[in-house]
Amino acid sequence: MSKGIDIPISRLNTLFESNLWKGKSYTRYGRIFRNIRDGGIIPEAFDTSTGDYGDVLLNDKIHALSFFDVLPDEDYNGTFNANVRICFAVNLKKLYPSVTSEMATEYAHQDALIQIKKSSFKPTGLTRGFDAFSDYELVKPEDSMNPFYLFRFDTEIKYLINC
């Protein structure tokens, strides 16, 4: 059962599952953990099939993946206020085959943002290309070369930890 920050993350992931890139091969991870390995940050997510954590790896066999990166520091004033990065890795040709790639980036932003705005996450910024994933050790600049594209929305969310 989800608690704290995982509740709104689960709700938004349900919106993604129901509405975002339907009919496409889309892997939706929940909250990742920023684990340090060999001096770099490795994003790891819980795998319900194995019951263990594993690296969130880019995969050119799927059309899209997303995950939530909750940044380490949070403010508290009766509720917690977290900064959360919602990260996407997409294959533009697979998601938008009839749209030229440079315009398809805007379609991807719009489609993701529509779902985010239906949730309690408040968008505060957009980062495009390799810079969106530059914190993570396993990602290289060539991972965001046409037709593959990386982007993230920086968001804020207020939530409670029920005690």
N, C-alpha and C. Protein backbone atom coordinates (compact mmCIF):
# COMPACT_ATOMS: atom_id res chain seq x y z
N MET A 1 0.84 -1.18 0.00
CA MET A 1 0.00 0.00 0.00
C MET A 1 0.88 1.24 0.00
N SER A 2 0.57 2.17 -0.87
CA SER A 2 1.37 3.39 -1.00
C SER A 2 1.15 4.32 0.17
N LYS A 3 2.19 5.08 0.48
CA LYS A 3 2.14 6.11 1.51
C LYS A 3 2.93 7.32 1.02
N GLY A 4 2.68 8.47 1.67
CA GLY A 4 3.47 9.66 1.40
C GLY A 4 3.52 10.04 -0.07
N ILE A 5 4.73 10.32 -0.54
CA ILE A 5 4.94 10.79 -1.92
C ILE A 5 4.54 9.74 -2.96
N ASP A 6 4.53 8.47 -2.57
CA ASP A 6 4.19 7.42 -3.53
C ASP A 6 2.71 7.43 -3.92
N ILE A 7 1.86 8.04 -3.10
CA ILE A 7 0.43 8.11 -3.45
C ILE A 7 0.21 8.97 -4.70
N PRO A 8 0.67 10.24 -4.73
CA PRO A 8 0.45 11.02 -5.96
C PRO A 8 1.23 10.47 -7.16
N ILE A 9 2.38 9.85 -6.92
CA ILE A 9 3.13 9.25 -8.02
C ILE A 9 2.32 8.11 -8.63
N SER A 10 1.75 7.27 -7.80
CA SER A 10 0.92 6.16 -8.27
C SER A 10 -0.30 6.67 -9.04
N ARG A 11 -0.91 7.72 -8.53
CA ARG A 11 -2.09 8.28 -9.22
C ARG A 11 -1.73 8.82 -10.60
N LEU A 12 -0.60 9.54 -10.68
CA LEU A 12 -0.20 10.06 -11.99
C LEU A 12 0.20 8.93 -12.92
N ASN A 13 0.86 7.92 -12.41
CA ASN A 13 1.21 6.77 -13.27
C ASN A 13 -0.03 6.08 -13.81
N THR A 14 -1.12 6.07 -13.02
CA THR A 14 -2.39 5.52 -13.50
C THR A 14 -2.94 6.37 -14.64
N LEU A 15 -2.83 7.68 -14.53
CA LEU A 15 -3.24 8.57 -15.64
C LEU A 15 -2.39 8.29 -16.87
N PHE A 16 -1.08 8.15 -16.68
CA PHE A 16 -0.21 7.83 -17.82
C PHE A 16 -0.65 6.52 -18.47
N GLU A 17 -0.91 5.51 -17.65
CA GLU A 17 -1.30 4.20 -18.18
C GLU A 17 -2.61 4.28 -18.97
N SER A 18 -3.55 5.07 -18.49
CA SER A 18 -4.86 5.16 -19.12
C SER A 18 -4.88 6.06 -20.36
N ASN A 19 -4.00 7.07 -20.39
CA ASN A 19 -4.16 8.12 -21.40
C ASN A 19 -2.94 8.46 -22.24
N LEU A 20 -1.76 8.10 -21.81
CA LEU A 20 -0.55 8.56 -22.49
C LEU A 20 0.03 7.46 -23.38
N TRP A 21 0.10 7.76 -24.67
CA TRP A 21 0.68 6.86 -25.66
C TRP A 21 0.07 5.48 -25.62
N LYS A 22 -1.27 5.47 -25.58
CA LYS A 22 -2.02 4.21 -25.58
C LYS A 22 -1.69 3.41 -26.83
N GLY A 23 -1.59 2.11 -26.66
CA GLY A 23 -1.30 1.23 -27.78
C GLY A 23 0.17 1.17 -28.15
N LYS A 24 0.99 1.91 -27.44
CA LYS A 24 2.43 1.91 -27.69
C LYS A 24 3.12 1.12 -26.58
N SER A 25 4.34 0.71 -26.83
CA SER A 25 5.14 0.01 -25.83
C SER A 25 5.72 1.06 -24.89
N TYR A 26 5.14 1.17 -23.71
CA TYR A 26 5.48 2.25 -22.78
C TYR A 26 5.69 1.67 -21.39
N THR A 27 6.90 1.79 -20.86
CA THR A 27 7.24 1.32 -19.52
C THR A 27 7.16 2.49 -18.56
N ARG A 28 6.32 2.36 -17.54
CA ARG A 28 6.11 3.41 -16.54
C ARG A 28 6.68 2.95 -15.21
N TYR A 29 7.80 3.54 -14.82
CA TYR A 29 8.36 3.25 -13.51
C TYR A 29 7.75 4.24 -12.52
N GLY A 30 7.79 3.88 -11.27
CA GLY A 30 7.39 4.81 -10.22
C GLY A 30 8.58 5.64 -9.79
N ARG A 31 8.70 5.81 -8.49
CA ARG A 31 9.80 6.60 -7.92
C ARG A 31 11.10 5.81 -8.02
N ILE A 32 12.13 6.48 -8.48
CA ILE A 32 13.45 5.85 -8.52
C ILE A 32 14.24 6.26 -7.28
N PHE A 33 15.27 5.51 -7.00
CA PHE A 33 16.23 5.87 -5.97
C PHE A 33 17.52 6.26 -6.66
N ARG A 34 18.17 7.32 -6.18
CA ARG A 34 19.43 7.81 -6.73
C ARG A 34 20.56 7.09 -6.02
N ASN A 35 20.97 5.95 -6.53
CA ASN A 35 22.03 5.17 -5.90
C ASN A 35 23.38 5.54 -6.52
N ILE A 36 24.39 5.63 -5.68
CA ILE A 36 25.73 6.00 -6.14
C ILE A 36 26.51 4.72 -6.43
N ARG A 37 27.04 4.66 -7.63
CA ARG A 37 27.87 3.53 -8.03
C ARG A 37 29.00 4.06 -8.90
N ASP A 38 30.22 3.69 -8.57
CA ASP A 38 31.40 4.13 -9.33
C ASP A 38 31.44 5.65 -9.48
N GLY A 39 31.01 6.36 -8.44
CA GLY A 39 31.07 7.82 -8.44
C GLY A 39 29.96 8.52 -9.19
N GLY A 40 29.00 7.78 -9.74
CA GLY A 40 27.91 8.39 -10.48
C GLY A 40 26.56 7.97 -9.94
N ILE A 41 25.53 8.71 -10.32
CA ILE A 41 24.17 8.42 -9.88
C ILE A 41 23.54 7.42 -10.84
N ILE A 42 23.05 6.33 -10.29
CA ILE A 42 22.35 5.30 -11.08
C ILE A 42 20.89 5.30 -10.63
N PRO A 43 19.95 5.58 -11.54
CA PRO A 43 18.54 5.51 -11.15
C PRO A 43 18.09 4.06 -11.06
N GLU A 44 17.53 3.69 -9.91
CA GLU A 44 17.03 2.33 -9.73
C GLU A 44 15.58 2.37 -9.29
N ALA A 45 14.78 1.47 -9.85
CA ALA A 45 13.35 1.38 -9.55
C ALA A 45 13.03 -0.02 -9.07
N PHE A 46 11.95 -0.11 -8.30
CA PHE A 46 11.50 -1.40 -7.79
C PHE A 46 10.84 -2.19 -8.92
N ASP A 47 11.22 -3.42 -9.07
CA ASP A 47 10.67 -4.32 -10.08
C ASP A 47 9.73 -5.29 -9.37
N THR A 48 8.43 -5.14 -9.61
CA THR A 48 7.46 -5.99 -8.92
C THR A 48 7.58 -7.45 -9.34
N SER A 49 8.10 -7.73 -10.52
CA SER A 49 8.22 -9.12 -10.96
C SER A 49 9.34 -9.86 -10.22
N THR A 50 10.41 -9.16 -9.83
CA THR A 50 11.51 -9.80 -9.14
C THR A 50 11.50 -9.50 -7.64
N GLY A 51 10.77 -8.45 -7.24
CA GLY A 51 10.76 -8.06 -5.84
C GLY A 51 12.05 -7.39 -5.40
N ASP A 52 12.80 -6.84 -6.37
CA ASP A 52 14.08 -6.22 -6.07
C ASP A 52 14.20 -4.93 -6.90
N TYR A 53 15.25 -4.17 -6.62
CA TYR A 53 15.51 -2.94 -7.36
C TYR A 53 16.46 -3.23 -8.52
N GLY A 54 16.27 -2.50 -9.61
CA GLY A 54 17.13 -2.66 -10.77
C GLY A 54 17.34 -1.34 -11.46
N ASP A 55 18.40 -1.27 -12.26
CA ASP A 55 18.71 -0.05 -13.00
C ASP A 55 17.59 0.29 -13.97
N VAL A 56 17.29 1.57 -14.08
CA VAL A 56 16.35 2.06 -15.10
C VAL A 56 17.20 2.32 -16.34
N LEU A 57 17.13 1.43 -17.29
CA LEU A 57 17.96 1.53 -18.48
C LEU A 57 17.14 1.97 -19.68
N LEU A 58 17.76 2.78 -20.51
CA LEU A 58 17.10 3.14 -21.76
C LEU A 58 17.05 1.89 -22.64
N ASN A 59 15.98 1.76 -23.41
CA ASN A 59 15.77 0.55 -24.19
C ASN A 59 15.17 0.95 -25.53
N ASP A 60 15.92 0.77 -26.60
CA ASP A 60 15.43 1.18 -27.92
C ASP A 60 14.37 0.23 -28.48
N LYS A 61 14.05 -0.84 -27.77
CA LYS A 61 13.00 -1.76 -28.21
C LYS A 61 11.60 -1.31 -27.75
N ILE A 62 11.55 -0.37 -26.81
CA ILE A 62 10.26 0.16 -26.38
C ILE A 62 10.09 1.57 -26.94
N HIS A 63 8.86 2.02 -26.98
CA HIS A 63 8.56 3.32 -27.56
C HIS A 63 8.74 4.46 -26.58
N ALA A 64 8.56 4.18 -25.29
CA ALA A 64 8.67 5.24 -24.28
C ALA A 64 8.89 4.63 -22.91
N LEU A 65 9.57 5.40 -22.05
CA LEU A 65 9.63 5.05 -20.63
C LEU A 65 9.58 6.34 -19.84
N SER A 66 9.12 6.22 -18.60
CA SER A 66 9.11 7.37 -17.70
C SER A 66 9.39 6.91 -16.28
N PHE A 67 9.88 7.86 -15.48
CA PHE A 67 10.10 7.60 -14.06
C PHE A 67 10.06 8.91 -13.30
N PHE A 68 9.95 8.80 -11.99
CA PHE A 68 9.84 9.94 -11.09
C PHE A 68 11.09 10.00 -10.22
N ASP A 69 11.76 11.13 -10.21
CA ASP A 69 12.96 11.34 -9.40
C ASP A 69 12.64 12.40 -8.35
N VAL A 70 12.41 11.96 -7.12
CA VAL A 70 12.11 12.87 -6.02
C VAL A 70 13.45 13.38 -5.49
N LEU A 71 13.67 14.68 -5.60
CA LEU A 71 14.94 15.25 -5.17
C LEU A 71 15.08 15.17 -3.65
N PRO A 72 16.31 15.07 -3.15
CA PRO A 72 16.53 14.71 -1.74
C PRO A 72 15.99 15.69 -0.69
N ASP A 73 16.02 16.98 -0.93
CA ASP A 73 15.62 17.94 0.09
C ASP A 73 14.17 18.37 -0.10
N GLU A 74 13.42 18.39 1.01
CA GLU A 74 12.02 18.81 0.96
C GLU A 74 11.75 19.81 2.07
N ASP A 75 10.93 20.81 1.77
CA ASP A 75 10.49 21.77 2.77
C ASP A 75 9.28 21.20 3.50
N TYR A 76 9.09 21.65 4.75
CA TYR A 76 7.93 21.24 5.52
C TYR A 76 7.31 22.44 6.21
N ASN A 77 6.01 22.62 5.98
CA ASN A 77 5.25 23.68 6.63
C ASN A 77 3.83 23.16 6.81
N GLY A 78 3.68 22.11 7.60
CA GLY A 78 2.38 21.45 7.77
C GLY A 78 2.16 20.36 6.74
N THR A 79 2.71 20.55 5.55
CA THR A 79 2.75 19.52 4.52
C THR A 79 4.17 19.51 3.96
N PHE A 80 4.55 18.41 3.38
CA PHE A 80 5.85 18.36 2.72
C PHE A 80 5.72 18.97 1.33
N ASN A 81 6.76 19.65 0.90
CA ASN A 81 6.80 20.23 -0.44
C ASN A 81 8.03 19.65 -1.14
N ALA A 82 7.79 18.77 -2.10
CA ALA A 82 8.87 18.07 -2.80
C ALA A 82 9.04 18.59 -4.22
N ASN A 83 10.28 18.60 -4.67
CA ASN A 83 10.59 18.84 -6.08
C ASN A 83 10.78 17.47 -6.72
N VAL A 84 10.01 17.23 -7.77
CA VAL A 84 10.02 15.93 -8.43
C VAL A 84 10.27 16.12 -9.91
N ARG A 85 11.23 15.39 -10.42
CA ARG A 85 11.49 15.37 -11.86
C ARG A 85 10.71 14.20 -12.46
N ILE A 86 9.94 14.49 -13.48
CA ILE A 86 9.23 13.44 -14.21
C ILE A 86 9.95 13.30 -15.54
N CYS A 87 10.69 12.20 -15.68
CA CYS A 87 11.61 12.01 -16.80
C CYS A 87 11.01 11.07 -17.85
N PHE A 88 11.26 11.41 -19.12
CA PHE A 88 10.75 10.63 -20.24
C PHE A 88 11.88 10.35 -21.23
N ALA A 89 11.91 9.13 -21.75
CA ALA A 89 12.77 8.74 -22.86
C ALA A 89 11.84 8.15 -23.92
N VAL A 90 11.82 8.75 -25.10
CA VAL A 90 10.85 8.35 -26.11
C VAL A 90 11.51 8.12 -27.47
N ASN A 91 10.85 7.33 -28.28
CA ASN A 91 11.20 7.15 -29.68
C ASN A 91 10.15 7.92 -30.48
N LEU A 92 10.53 9.07 -30.99
CA LEU A 92 9.57 9.97 -31.65
C LEU A 92 8.95 9.33 -32.89
N LYS A 93 9.71 8.57 -33.65
CA LYS A 93 9.17 7.94 -34.87
C LYS A 93 8.10 6.91 -34.54
N LYS A 94 8.26 6.22 -33.42
CA LYS A 94 7.27 5.21 -33.02
C LYS A 94 6.02 5.86 -32.43
N LEU A 95 6.19 6.94 -31.67
CA LEU A 95 5.04 7.59 -31.05
C LEU A 95 4.27 8.47 -32.02
N TYR A 96 4.99 9.14 -32.92
CA TYR A 96 4.37 10.11 -33.84
C TYR A 96 4.89 9.88 -35.26
N PRO A 97 4.52 8.76 -35.88
CA PRO A 97 5.09 8.40 -37.18
C PRO A 97 4.77 9.38 -38.31
N SER A 98 3.69 10.12 -38.21
CA SER A 98 3.33 11.03 -39.30
C SER A 98 3.78 12.47 -39.06
N VAL A 99 4.57 12.70 -38.01
CA VAL A 99 5.01 14.06 -37.67
C VAL A 99 6.53 14.12 -37.80
N THR A 100 7.06 15.20 -38.37
CA THR A 100 8.51 15.33 -38.45
C THR A 100 9.09 15.40 -37.05
N SER A 101 10.29 14.87 -36.89
CA SER A 101 10.87 14.69 -35.56
C SER A 101 10.98 15.98 -34.76
N GLU A 102 11.39 17.08 -35.41
CA GLU A 102 11.55 18.30 -34.62
C GLU A 102 10.21 18.79 -34.07
N MET A 103 9.12 18.57 -34.78
CA MET A 103 7.80 18.94 -34.26
C MET A 103 7.27 17.88 -33.31
N ALA A 104 7.68 16.63 -33.49
CA ALA A 104 7.20 15.56 -32.62
C ALA A 104 7.63 15.79 -31.18
N THR A 105 8.75 16.47 -30.97
CA THR A 105 9.16 16.77 -29.59
C THR A 105 8.07 17.57 -28.88
N GLU A 106 7.47 18.52 -29.60
CA GLU A 106 6.43 19.35 -28.99
C GLU A 106 5.16 18.55 -28.73
N TYR A 107 4.86 17.59 -29.59
CA TYR A 107 3.72 16.70 -29.35
C TYR A 107 3.95 15.88 -28.08
N ALA A 108 5.18 15.37 -27.92
CA ALA A 108 5.50 14.58 -26.73
C ALA A 108 5.37 15.43 -25.47
N HIS A 109 5.91 16.66 -25.52
CA HIS A 109 5.78 17.56 -24.36
C HIS A 109 4.32 17.80 -24.03
N GLN A 110 3.55 18.13 -25.04
CA GLN A 110 2.13 18.46 -24.84
C GLN A 110 1.37 17.27 -24.27
N ASP A 111 1.55 16.10 -24.87
CA ASP A 111 0.81 14.92 -24.41
C ASP A 111 1.13 14.57 -22.96
N ALA A 112 2.41 14.65 -22.59
CA ALA A 112 2.79 14.37 -21.20
C ALA A 112 2.27 15.46 -20.27
N LEU A 113 2.40 16.71 -20.67
CA LEU A 113 1.98 17.83 -19.82
C LEU A 113 0.47 17.83 -19.56
N ILE A 114 -0.31 17.43 -20.54
CA ILE A 114 -1.77 17.35 -20.34
C ILE A 114 -2.08 16.42 -19.17
N GLN A 115 -1.40 15.28 -19.10
CA GLN A 115 -1.66 14.32 -18.02
C GLN A 115 -1.12 14.84 -16.69
N ILE A 116 0.06 15.44 -16.71
CA ILE A 116 0.64 15.98 -15.47
C ILE A 116 -0.27 17.05 -14.88
N LYS A 117 -0.84 17.90 -15.73
CA LYS A 117 -1.70 18.99 -15.24
C LYS A 117 -3.02 18.48 -14.67
N LYS A 118 -3.39 17.23 -14.96
CA LYS A 118 -4.59 16.61 -14.37
C LYS A 118 -4.32 16.12 -12.95
N SER A 119 -3.06 16.15 -12.54
CA SER A 119 -2.66 15.60 -11.25
C SER A 119 -2.37 16.73 -10.27
N SER A 120 -1.87 16.38 -9.10
CA SER A 120 -1.51 17.37 -8.09
C SER A 120 -0.07 17.87 -8.26
N PHE A 121 0.64 17.39 -9.28
CA PHE A 121 1.98 17.89 -9.57
C PHE A 121 1.86 19.22 -10.31
N LYS A 122 2.64 20.21 -9.88
CA LYS A 122 2.63 21.54 -10.52
C LYS A 122 3.92 21.70 -11.33
N PRO A 123 3.81 21.77 -12.65
CA PRO A 123 5.02 21.93 -13.48
C PRO A 123 5.70 23.27 -13.20
N THR A 124 7.05 23.22 -13.10
CA THR A 124 7.83 24.44 -12.88
C THR A 124 8.88 24.64 -13.96
N GLY A 125 9.11 23.63 -14.80
CA GLY A 125 10.11 23.77 -15.85
C GLY A 125 10.16 22.55 -16.75
N LEU A 126 10.84 22.73 -17.87
CA LEU A 126 11.03 21.68 -18.87
C LEU A 126 12.50 21.68 -19.25
N THR A 127 13.11 20.51 -19.27
CA THR A 127 14.49 20.35 -19.73
C THR A 127 14.47 19.37 -20.89
N ARG A 128 15.12 19.76 -21.99
CA ARG A 128 15.10 18.99 -23.22
C ARG A 128 16.46 18.32 -23.48
N GLY A 129 16.41 17.18 -24.16
CA GLY A 129 17.62 16.53 -24.63
C GLY A 129 18.45 15.91 -23.52
N PHE A 130 19.73 15.70 -23.80
CA PHE A 130 20.62 15.01 -22.87
C PHE A 130 20.63 15.67 -21.50
N ASP A 131 20.52 16.99 -21.43
CA ASP A 131 20.54 17.68 -20.14
C ASP A 131 19.45 17.18 -19.20
N ALA A 132 18.35 16.67 -19.74
CA ALA A 132 17.24 16.17 -18.92
C ALA A 132 17.67 14.96 -18.09
N PHE A 133 18.67 14.21 -18.57
CA PHE A 133 19.12 12.98 -17.91
C PHE A 133 20.59 13.06 -17.51
N SER A 134 21.21 14.23 -17.58
CA SER A 134 22.66 14.33 -17.39
C SER A 134 23.11 13.95 -15.98
N ASP A 135 22.22 13.94 -14.99
CA ASP A 135 22.59 13.52 -13.64
C ASP A 135 22.89 12.02 -13.56
N TYR A 136 22.39 11.25 -14.51
CA TYR A 136 22.44 9.80 -14.41
C TYR A 136 23.62 9.24 -15.20
N GLU A 137 24.39 8.42 -14.53
CA GLU A 137 25.64 7.89 -15.06
C GLU A 137 25.45 7.03 -16.31
N LEU A 138 24.33 6.31 -16.42
CA LEU A 138 24.16 5.35 -17.51
C LEU A 138 23.72 5.98 -18.83
N VAL A 139 23.50 7.29 -18.86
CA VAL A 139 22.99 7.96 -20.05
C VAL A 139 24.13 8.73 -20.72
N LYS A 140 24.19 8.61 -22.06
CA LYS A 140 25.22 9.28 -22.85
C LYS A 140 24.54 10.28 -23.79
N PRO A 141 25.28 11.31 -24.24
CA PRO A 141 24.67 12.30 -25.14
C PRO A 141 23.99 11.69 -26.37
N GLU A 142 24.55 10.62 -26.91
CA GLU A 142 23.96 10.01 -28.11
C GLU A 142 22.63 9.32 -27.83
N ASP A 143 22.26 9.17 -26.55
CA ASP A 143 20.97 8.58 -26.21
C ASP A 143 19.81 9.52 -26.51
N SER A 144 20.12 10.78 -26.82
CA SER A 144 19.07 11.73 -27.19
C SER A 144 19.30 12.24 -28.60
N MET A 145 19.51 11.29 -29.52
CA MET A 145 19.67 11.63 -30.93
C MET A 145 18.52 11.02 -31.71
N ASN A 146 17.98 11.79 -32.62
CA ASN A 146 16.84 11.41 -33.44
C ASN A 146 16.96 9.95 -33.89
N PRO A 147 15.92 9.14 -33.73
CA PRO A 147 14.56 9.44 -33.30
C PRO A 147 14.35 9.39 -31.79
N PHE A 148 15.43 9.12 -31.03
CA PHE A 148 15.30 9.02 -29.58
C PHE A 148 15.40 10.41 -28.97
N TYR A 149 14.62 10.63 -27.94
CA TYR A 149 14.54 11.96 -27.35
C TYR A 149 14.32 11.84 -25.85
N LEU A 150 15.07 12.63 -25.10
CA LEU A 150 14.96 12.67 -23.65
C LEU A 150 14.40 14.02 -23.24
N PHE A 151 13.50 14.03 -22.26
CA PHE A 151 13.02 15.28 -21.69
C PHE A 151 12.47 15.02 -20.30
N ARG A 152 12.34 16.11 -19.54
CA ARG A 152 11.76 15.97 -18.20
C ARG A 152 11.02 17.24 -17.84
N PHE A 153 9.99 17.04 -17.04
CA PHE A 153 9.29 18.16 -16.42
C PHE A 153 9.74 18.22 -14.96
N ASP A 154 10.16 19.40 -14.54
CA ASP A 154 10.42 19.64 -13.12
C ASP A 154 9.09 20.07 -12.52
N THR A 155 8.76 19.49 -11.38
CA THR A 155 7.46 19.77 -10.76
C THR A 155 7.63 19.96 -9.26
N GLU A 156 6.59 20.52 -8.67
CA GLU A 156 6.49 20.62 -7.22
C GLU A 156 5.20 19.93 -6.80
N ILE A 157 5.23 19.35 -5.62
CA ILE A 157 4.02 18.73 -5.10
C ILE A 157 4.01 18.84 -3.58
N LYS A 158 2.83 19.10 -3.06
CA LYS A 158 2.62 19.10 -1.61
C LYS A 158 1.93 17.78 -1.26
N TYR A 159 2.39 17.16 -0.17
CA TYR A 159 1.78 15.89 0.24
C TYR A 159 1.94 15.72 1.73
N LEU A 160 1.19 14.79 2.27
CA LEU A 160 1.22 14.48 3.69
C LEU A 160 1.82 13.10 3.92
N ILE A 161 2.44 12.94 5.07
CA ILE A 161 2.80 11.61 5.55
C ILE A 161 1.85 11.35 6.71
N ASN A 162 0.95 10.43 6.52
CA ASN A 162 -0.04 10.14 7.57
C ASN A 162 0.61 9.38 8.71
N CYS A 163 0.54 9.97 9.90
CA CYS A 163 1.14 9.36 11.09
C CYS A 163 0.05 9.00 12.08
